[in-house]
Amino acid sequence: MSNLAYIEHYTKEDYKHWDKQWELIYGQPYAMAPSPMFGHQYISMKIARQLDVALDDCANCYALFETDVEFYDDTIVRPDCMVVCGLFKDYITRSPALIFEIISPSSAKRDEQLKFELYEKEGVKYYTIVYPQNKTAKVYKLKDGKYIKEGDFFNEKYTFDINSCSIEFDFDFIWQKNK
């Protein structure tokens, strides 16, 4: 009898039968919070609104929120907000250009470590981690295959250069009613 623990490995075929409150990373399931809290949803909408408006004149890029991204047969994540470029049929199967994850106590380690490494490996150009309690956001930009921290943002603006589009993002906008 082996002393090794049995570790189950799931794929997108298994994922299709779940209740959609899960993410699948390298074959391992991760439960998502049952429903994001008011503050989380409010910040997510402020981010998505700003991204959507900034992309009005960009013919090839789109702002999305809470949409599955299938990186591999065994890795499907649902970022809070993102920008994707190009044409897609039914599912997002290419790396987004920009991802925002909003930290909650239950997701902090996953967003700061596991997803950080996944997004870096998959070539997501910008990864922004939002900390509602501190009213700050950390912006990382992919350079030579590694994320380099661009800075911590509270009330500053930052320009995300994506393909032929630029998004001037005002971080103060997402905290306006929470000051």
Protein backbone atom coordinates (compact mmCIF):
# COMPACT_ATOMS: atom_id res chain seq x y z
CA MET A 1 0.00 0.00 0.00
CA SER A 2 1.39 3.40 -0.98
CA ASN A 3 1.78 6.26 1.48
CA LEU A 4 1.43 8.80 -1.33
CA ALA A 5 -1.72 10.88 -1.21
CA TYR A 6 -3.98 10.66 -4.20
CA ILE A 7 -4.37 14.02 -5.93
CA GLU A 8 -7.27 14.39 -8.32
CA HIS A 9 -6.75 16.22 -11.60
CA TYR A 10 -9.68 17.87 -13.36
CA THR A 11 -10.13 19.22 -16.90
CA LYS A 12 -12.50 21.57 -18.70
CA GLU A 13 -14.80 18.60 -19.33
CA ASP A 14 -15.27 18.26 -15.55
CA TYR A 15 -15.50 22.04 -15.18
CA LYS A 16 -18.44 22.21 -17.61
CA HIS A 17 -20.55 20.27 -15.09
CA TRP A 18 -19.76 22.44 -12.07
CA ASP A 19 -21.92 25.29 -10.80
CA LYS A 20 -19.58 27.99 -12.25
CA GLN A 21 -18.46 29.25 -8.85
CA TRP A 22 -15.08 27.63 -9.37
CA GLU A 23 -11.79 28.27 -11.06
CA LEU A 24 -9.60 25.44 -12.32
CA ILE A 25 -5.84 26.01 -12.17
CA TYR A 26 -3.47 23.27 -13.30
CA GLY A 27 -6.17 20.67 -12.70
CA GLN A 28 -6.97 21.79 -9.15
CA PRO A 29 -10.37 23.32 -8.28
CA TYR A 30 -10.54 26.58 -6.32
CA ALA A 31 -13.87 27.71 -4.88
CA MET A 32 -14.83 31.30 -5.55
CA ALA A 33 -16.71 33.38 -3.00
CA PRO A 34 -20.45 32.62 -3.32
CA SER A 35 -21.22 36.14 -4.46
CA PRO A 36 -18.90 39.12 -4.31
CA MET A 37 -19.67 41.64 -1.60
CA PHE A 38 -21.04 45.09 -2.40
CA GLY A 39 -17.65 46.85 -2.22
CA HIS A 40 -16.01 44.29 -4.48
CA GLN A 41 -18.78 44.55 -7.08
CA TYR A 42 -18.82 48.35 -6.90
CA ILE A 43 -15.07 48.58 -7.56
CA SER A 44 -15.32 45.96 -10.32
CA MET A 45 -18.01 47.97 -12.10
CA LYS A 46 -16.00 51.21 -11.78
CA ILE A 47 -13.00 49.47 -13.35
CA ALA A 48 -15.09 47.89 -16.13
CA ARG A 49 -16.88 51.19 -16.91
CA GLN A 50 -13.62 53.06 -17.22
CA LEU A 51 -12.03 50.37 -19.41
CA ASP A 52 -15.09 50.16 -21.64
CA VAL A 53 -15.26 53.91 -22.24
CA ALA A 54 -11.52 54.10 -22.89
CA LEU A 55 -11.86 51.41 -25.58
CA ASP A 56 -14.73 53.07 -27.47
CA ASP A 57 -12.39 54.07 -30.30
CA CYS A 58 -10.35 50.87 -30.25
CA ALA A 59 -11.83 48.59 -32.89
CA ASN A 60 -10.03 45.43 -31.80
CA CYS A 61 -10.11 45.39 -27.97
CA TYR A 62 -12.94 44.79 -25.50
CA ALA A 63 -13.47 45.26 -21.77
CA LEU A 64 -15.05 42.29 -19.98
CA PHE A 65 -15.80 41.37 -16.39
CA GLU A 66 -16.22 38.00 -14.70
CA THR A 67 -15.66 36.02 -17.90
CA ASP A 68 -13.89 32.67 -18.03
CA VAL A 69 -10.46 32.47 -19.66
CA GLU A 70 -9.34 29.01 -20.76
CA PHE A 71 -5.55 28.85 -20.75
CA TYR A 72 -5.27 25.04 -20.93
CA ASP A 73 -7.50 22.02 -20.84
CA ASP A 74 -6.99 22.01 -17.06
CA THR A 75 -6.80 25.77 -16.35
CA ILE A 76 -9.82 28.07 -16.47
CA VAL A 77 -9.88 31.28 -14.47
CA ARG A 78 -12.38 34.12 -14.10
CA PRO A 79 -10.63 37.49 -13.63
CA ASP A 80 -12.66 40.32 -12.12
CA CYS A 81 -12.04 42.60 -15.14
CA MET A 82 -9.93 42.30 -18.27
CA VAL A 83 -9.20 43.63 -21.72
CA VAL A 84 -9.03 41.16 -24.60
CA CYS A 85 -7.98 41.95 -28.14
CA GLY A 86 -8.91 40.13 -31.31
CA LEU A 87 -11.89 38.10 -32.41
CA PHE A 88 -13.32 35.32 -30.27
CA LYS A 89 -16.02 32.81 -31.08
CA ASP A 90 -17.50 31.51 -27.83
CA TYR A 91 -14.71 31.40 -25.25
CA ILE A 92 -11.63 33.41 -24.39
CA THR A 93 -8.76 31.08 -25.22
CA ARG A 94 -5.93 33.60 -25.69
CA SER A 95 -4.23 35.65 -23.03
CA PRO A 96 -5.96 38.91 -22.17
CA ALA A 97 -3.87 42.04 -22.64
CA LEU A 98 -4.82 43.40 -19.21
CA ILE A 99 -6.24 41.75 -16.09
CA PHE A 100 -7.55 43.33 -12.90
CA GLU A 101 -8.03 41.14 -9.81
CA ILE A 102 -9.70 42.62 -6.73
CA ILE A 103 -8.27 41.16 -3.54
CA SER A 104 -10.53 39.66 -0.91
CA PRO A 105 -9.25 37.83 2.16
CA SER A 106 -10.18 34.45 0.69
CA SER A 107 -8.45 35.09 -2.66
CA ALA A 108 -5.35 37.08 -1.69
CA LYS A 109 -2.79 34.27 -1.80
CA ARG A 110 -4.23 32.85 -5.04
CA ASP A 111 -4.25 36.28 -6.77
CA GLU A 112 -0.84 37.38 -5.48
CA GLN A 113 1.02 34.15 -6.14
CA LEU A 114 -0.71 31.48 -8.20
CA LYS A 115 -2.46 33.78 -10.69
CA PHE A 116 0.50 36.17 -10.75
CA GLU A 117 2.72 33.32 -11.96
CA LEU A 118 0.06 31.97 -14.34
CA TYR A 119 -0.59 35.36 -15.97
CA GLU A 120 3.14 36.05 -16.22
CA LYS A 121 3.74 32.65 -17.85
CA GLU A 122 0.83 33.13 -20.26
CA GLY A 123 2.04 36.54 -21.44
CA VAL A 124 -0.67 38.82 -19.98
CA LYS A 125 0.92 42.21 -20.68
CA TYR A 126 -0.48 43.99 -17.60
CA TYR A 127 -1.62 42.55 -14.29
CA THR A 128 -3.23 44.90 -11.78
CA ILE A 129 -3.97 43.75 -8.23
CA VAL A 130 -6.52 45.96 -6.47
CA TYR A 131 -6.58 46.25 -2.66
CA PRO A 132 -9.94 47.76 -1.60
CA GLN A 133 -9.07 47.99 2.11
CA ASN A 134 -5.99 50.12 1.39
CA LYS A 135 -7.49 51.86 -1.65
CA THR A 136 -4.40 51.03 -3.66
CA ALA A 137 -3.59 49.03 -6.76
CA LYS A 138 -0.31 47.45 -7.82
CA VAL A 139 0.36 47.53 -11.56
CA TYR A 140 2.74 45.00 -13.11
CA LYS A 141 3.93 45.09 -16.71
CA LEU A 142 5.43 42.14 -18.54
CA LYS A 143 8.99 42.83 -19.70
CA ASP A 144 11.15 40.06 -21.15
CA GLY A 145 8.77 37.42 -19.80
CA LYS A 146 8.77 38.72 -16.21
CA TYR A 147 6.47 41.10 -14.37
CA ILE A 148 8.07 44.37 -13.33
CA LYS A 149 6.16 46.49 -10.84
CA GLU A 150 5.19 49.81 -12.40
CA GLY A 151 4.02 51.22 -9.06
CA ASP A 152 1.39 51.46 -6.35
CA PHE A 153 -1.52 53.67 -7.37
CA PHE A 154 -4.12 55.44 -5.24
CA ASN A 155 -5.27 58.63 -6.94
CA GLU A 156 -2.86 58.72 -9.87
CA LYS A 157 -3.42 58.00 -13.54
CA TYR A 158 -1.60 55.31 -15.47
CA THR A 159 -1.55 54.64 -19.21
CA PHE A 160 -1.88 51.04 -20.35
CA ASP A 161 -0.50 50.72 -23.89
CA ILE A 162 -2.24 47.78 -25.53
CA ASN A 163 -1.63 47.02 -29.20
CA SER A 164 -2.56 50.24 -31.00
CA CYS A 165 -4.80 51.43 -28.15
CA SER A 166 -4.00 53.41 -25.03
CA ILE A 167 -6.07 53.37 -21.86
CA GLU A 168 -5.51 56.28 -19.53
CA PHE A 169 -6.79 54.79 -16.30
CA ASP A 170 -7.69 57.02 -13.36
CA PHE A 171 -7.31 55.04 -10.14
CA ASP A 172 -8.98 57.83 -8.16
CA PHE A 173 -12.20 57.07 -10.08
CA ILE A 174 -12.59 53.63 -8.49
CA TRP A 175 -12.43 55.02 -4.93
CA GLN A 176 -14.60 58.13 -5.38
CA LYS A 177 -17.56 57.08 -3.20
CA ASN A 178 -15.39 55.09 -0.80
CA LYS A 179 -13.21 57.97 0.42
